[in-house]
Amino acid sequence: MIQRIQTLYLLAIVVLGITLCFMPVLQLVTSEEAAELHVYQLGAGGLGEITNEQCQPVVYLQGLWGLLVTTLLIPLLALVDIFLYNKRILQARLNIFLAMLCLGYYGVLALYVWLAKLSMNVDWHIMPWASVPLVCFVLTLMATRAILKDEALVRAADRIR
């Protein structure tokens, strides 16, 4: 199980996905026309206002559970996918779903940015942790390719017998 390269790819997705749960991906800053400058961070934990180097939970956007669910599903599905090493076709299909989920993360994030701009009149700045789902997407594609290569090898060995 561990000696297969796709297991290492999926394990990297699990580690990156877990770290994504605790890191902010966007910084929202009130526009220059506002009387006071407020800085907010958006992550899987919700929207928090930064004051005096502390992040206090402040809820301005409703329905932030979509970002939390997609952030939690990415490492969870990758972890389940690791233990399906005997069922390679199912593993490849789950990988395709995981790849779509990684791209769906950006759709959910764009929706929340749009809602924040409408309701709070803020400018947004992307943080480096926002690239983690894209890295997970690439790792998922690499794992799927290795899984399908293993399946082709097993089928070729079955034909020889």
Protein backbone atom coordinates (compact mmCIF):
# COMPACT_ATOMS: atom_id res chain seq x y z
CA MET A 1 0.00 0.00 0.00
CA ILE A 2 2.62 2.58 1.02
CA GLN A 3 5.06 1.50 -1.70
CA ARG A 4 2.68 2.68 -4.41
CA ILE A 5 3.35 6.23 -5.59
CA GLN A 6 -0.34 7.13 -5.70
CA THR A 7 -0.55 6.48 -1.96
CA LEU A 8 2.13 9.10 -1.40
CA TYR A 9 0.25 11.56 -3.62
CA LEU A 10 -2.96 10.94 -1.70
CA LEU A 11 -1.16 11.24 1.62
CA ALA A 12 0.19 14.63 0.52
CA ILE A 13 -3.39 15.67 -0.30
CA VAL A 14 -4.48 14.64 3.20
CA VAL A 15 -1.71 16.68 4.85
CA LEU A 16 -2.32 19.73 2.66
CA GLY A 17 -6.08 19.49 3.15
CA ILE A 18 -5.76 19.35 6.93
CA THR A 19 -3.49 22.40 6.97
CA LEU A 20 -5.97 24.22 4.72
CA CYS A 21 -8.60 23.78 7.43
CA PHE A 22 -6.64 26.04 9.77
CA MET A 23 -5.23 28.67 7.40
CA PRO A 24 -6.97 31.76 6.02
CA VAL A 25 -7.23 31.92 2.23
CA LEU A 26 -8.53 35.45 1.71
CA GLN A 27 -8.04 38.81 3.29
CA LEU A 28 -10.90 41.27 3.01
CA VAL A 29 -10.15 44.96 3.59
CA THR A 30 -12.71 47.74 3.79
CA SER A 31 -12.53 50.17 0.92
CA GLU A 32 -10.71 53.48 1.19
CA GLU A 33 -13.97 55.45 1.29
CA ALA A 34 -14.92 53.89 4.64
CA ALA A 35 -14.38 55.85 7.84
CA GLU A 36 -12.47 53.07 9.58
CA LEU A 37 -10.11 50.44 8.22
CA HIS A 38 -11.21 46.89 8.99
CA VAL A 39 -9.31 43.79 7.96
CA TYR A 40 -11.02 40.40 7.84
CA GLN A 41 -9.69 36.92 7.11
CA LEU A 42 -11.77 34.23 5.43
CA GLY A 43 -10.95 30.58 5.87
CA ALA A 44 -12.61 27.28 6.63
CA GLY A 45 -13.28 28.46 10.18
CA GLY A 46 -15.32 31.40 8.96
CA LEU A 47 -14.85 35.12 8.70
CA GLY A 48 -12.80 36.75 11.42
CA GLU A 49 -11.82 40.36 12.00
CA ILE A 50 -8.17 41.05 12.72
CA THR A 51 -7.70 43.46 15.61
CA ASN A 52 -4.46 43.81 17.58
CA GLU A 53 -2.88 40.70 16.00
CA GLN A 54 -5.80 38.53 17.14
CA CYS A 55 -8.44 36.95 14.97
CA GLN A 56 -11.82 37.27 16.65
CA PRO A 57 -14.77 35.42 15.12
CA VAL A 58 -17.20 37.86 13.58
CA VAL A 59 -19.98 36.57 11.36
CA TYR A 60 -20.96 38.92 8.55
CA LEU A 61 -21.57 36.36 5.83
CA GLN A 62 -24.24 33.77 6.36
CA GLY A 63 -23.90 30.25 5.03
CA LEU A 64 -20.13 29.83 5.31
CA TRP A 65 -20.66 26.12 5.87
CA GLY A 66 -20.07 25.45 2.15
CA LEU A 67 -16.42 26.42 2.41
CA LEU A 68 -16.03 24.37 5.59
CA VAL A 69 -17.63 21.27 4.05
CA THR A 70 -15.51 21.38 0.89
CA THR A 71 -12.37 21.99 2.95
CA LEU A 72 -13.12 19.00 5.18
CA LEU A 73 -14.18 16.68 2.35
CA ILE A 74 -10.91 17.02 0.42
CA PRO A 75 -8.63 15.35 3.02
CA LEU A 76 -11.37 12.96 4.14
CA LEU A 77 -11.99 11.58 0.64
CA ALA A 78 -8.24 11.34 -0.01
CA LEU A 79 -7.83 9.35 3.21
CA VAL A 80 -10.66 6.99 2.25
CA ASP A 81 -9.13 6.69 -1.21
CA ILE A 82 -5.83 5.47 0.24
CA PHE A 83 -7.51 2.41 1.77
CA LEU A 84 -9.27 1.41 -1.46
CA TYR A 85 -6.03 0.10 -2.96
CA ASN A 86 -7.58 -3.28 -3.83
CA LYS A 87 -10.39 -1.69 -5.83
CA ARG A 88 -8.47 0.33 -8.38
CA ILE A 89 -11.41 1.29 -10.61
CA LEU A 90 -13.40 2.60 -7.62
CA GLN A 91 -10.26 4.39 -6.44
CA ALA A 92 -9.87 6.09 -9.83
CA ARG A 93 -13.52 7.17 -9.87
CA LEU A 94 -13.24 8.58 -6.36
CA ASN A 95 -10.13 10.45 -7.49
CA ILE A 96 -12.07 12.06 -10.33
CA PHE A 97 -14.72 13.18 -7.84
CA LEU A 98 -11.96 14.50 -5.57
CA ALA A 99 -10.48 16.49 -8.47
CA MET A 100 -13.89 18.05 -9.19
CA LEU A 101 -14.24 18.88 -5.49
CA CYS A 102 -10.86 20.63 -5.51
CA LEU A 103 -12.02 22.81 -8.40
CA GLY A 104 -15.41 23.29 -6.75
CA TYR A 105 -13.61 24.81 -3.78
CA TYR A 106 -12.70 27.77 -5.96
CA GLY A 107 -16.31 28.12 -7.07
CA VAL A 108 -17.49 28.27 -3.46
CA LEU A 109 -14.70 30.72 -2.62
CA ALA A 110 -15.64 32.97 -5.55
CA LEU A 111 -19.25 32.94 -4.38
CA TYR A 112 -18.24 34.08 -0.90
CA VAL A 113 -16.00 36.82 -2.30
CA TRP A 114 -18.88 38.07 -4.42
CA LEU A 115 -21.25 38.01 -1.42
CA ALA A 116 -18.68 39.83 0.72
CA LYS A 117 -18.23 42.54 -1.88
CA LEU A 118 -21.99 43.06 -2.06
CA SER A 119 -22.80 43.00 1.64
CA MET A 120 -19.69 44.51 3.25
CA ASN A 121 -18.19 46.68 0.47
CA VAL A 122 -14.67 45.26 0.83
CA ASP A 123 -11.68 44.66 -1.40
CA TRP A 124 -10.20 41.18 -1.40
CA HIS A 125 -6.62 39.98 -1.45
CA ILE A 126 -5.77 36.35 -2.04
CA MET A 127 -3.32 34.67 0.35
CA PRO A 128 -0.78 31.97 -0.56
CA TRP A 129 -2.81 29.22 1.14
CA ALA A 130 -5.50 29.64 -1.52
CA SER A 131 -3.29 27.68 -3.92
CA VAL A 132 -3.54 24.48 -1.86
CA PRO A 133 -6.69 23.12 -3.62
CA LEU A 134 -4.96 23.64 -6.99
CA VAL A 135 -1.95 21.64 -5.75
CA CYS A 136 -4.35 18.97 -4.48
CA PHE A 137 -6.02 18.93 -7.91
CA VAL A 138 -2.69 18.29 -9.64
CA LEU A 139 -1.75 15.60 -7.11
CA THR A 140 -5.13 13.96 -7.64
CA LEU A 141 -4.60 13.82 -11.39
CA MET A 142 -1.14 12.33 -10.87
CA ALA A 143 -2.56 9.71 -8.48
CA THR A 144 -5.34 8.83 -10.93
CA ARG A 145 -2.83 8.34 -13.70
CA ALA A 146 -0.74 6.02 -11.51
CA ILE A 147 -3.84 4.05 -10.45
CA LEU A 148 -4.93 3.53 -14.04
CA LYS A 149 -1.40 2.49 -14.96
CA ASP A 150 -1.50 -0.15 -12.19
CA GLU A 151 -4.88 -1.37 -13.43
CA ALA A 152 -3.52 -1.73 -16.97
CA LEU A 153 -0.54 -3.67 -15.62
CA VAL A 154 -2.79 -6.06 -13.67
CA ARG A 155 -5.05 -6.63 -16.69
CA ALA A 156 -2.02 -7.32 -18.89
CA ALA A 157 -0.71 -9.82 -16.37
CA ASP A 158 -4.12 -11.55 -16.29
CA ARG A 159 -4.11 -11.90 -20.07
CA ILE A 160 -0.71 -13.62 -20.06
CA ARG A 161 -1.93 -16.38 -17.72
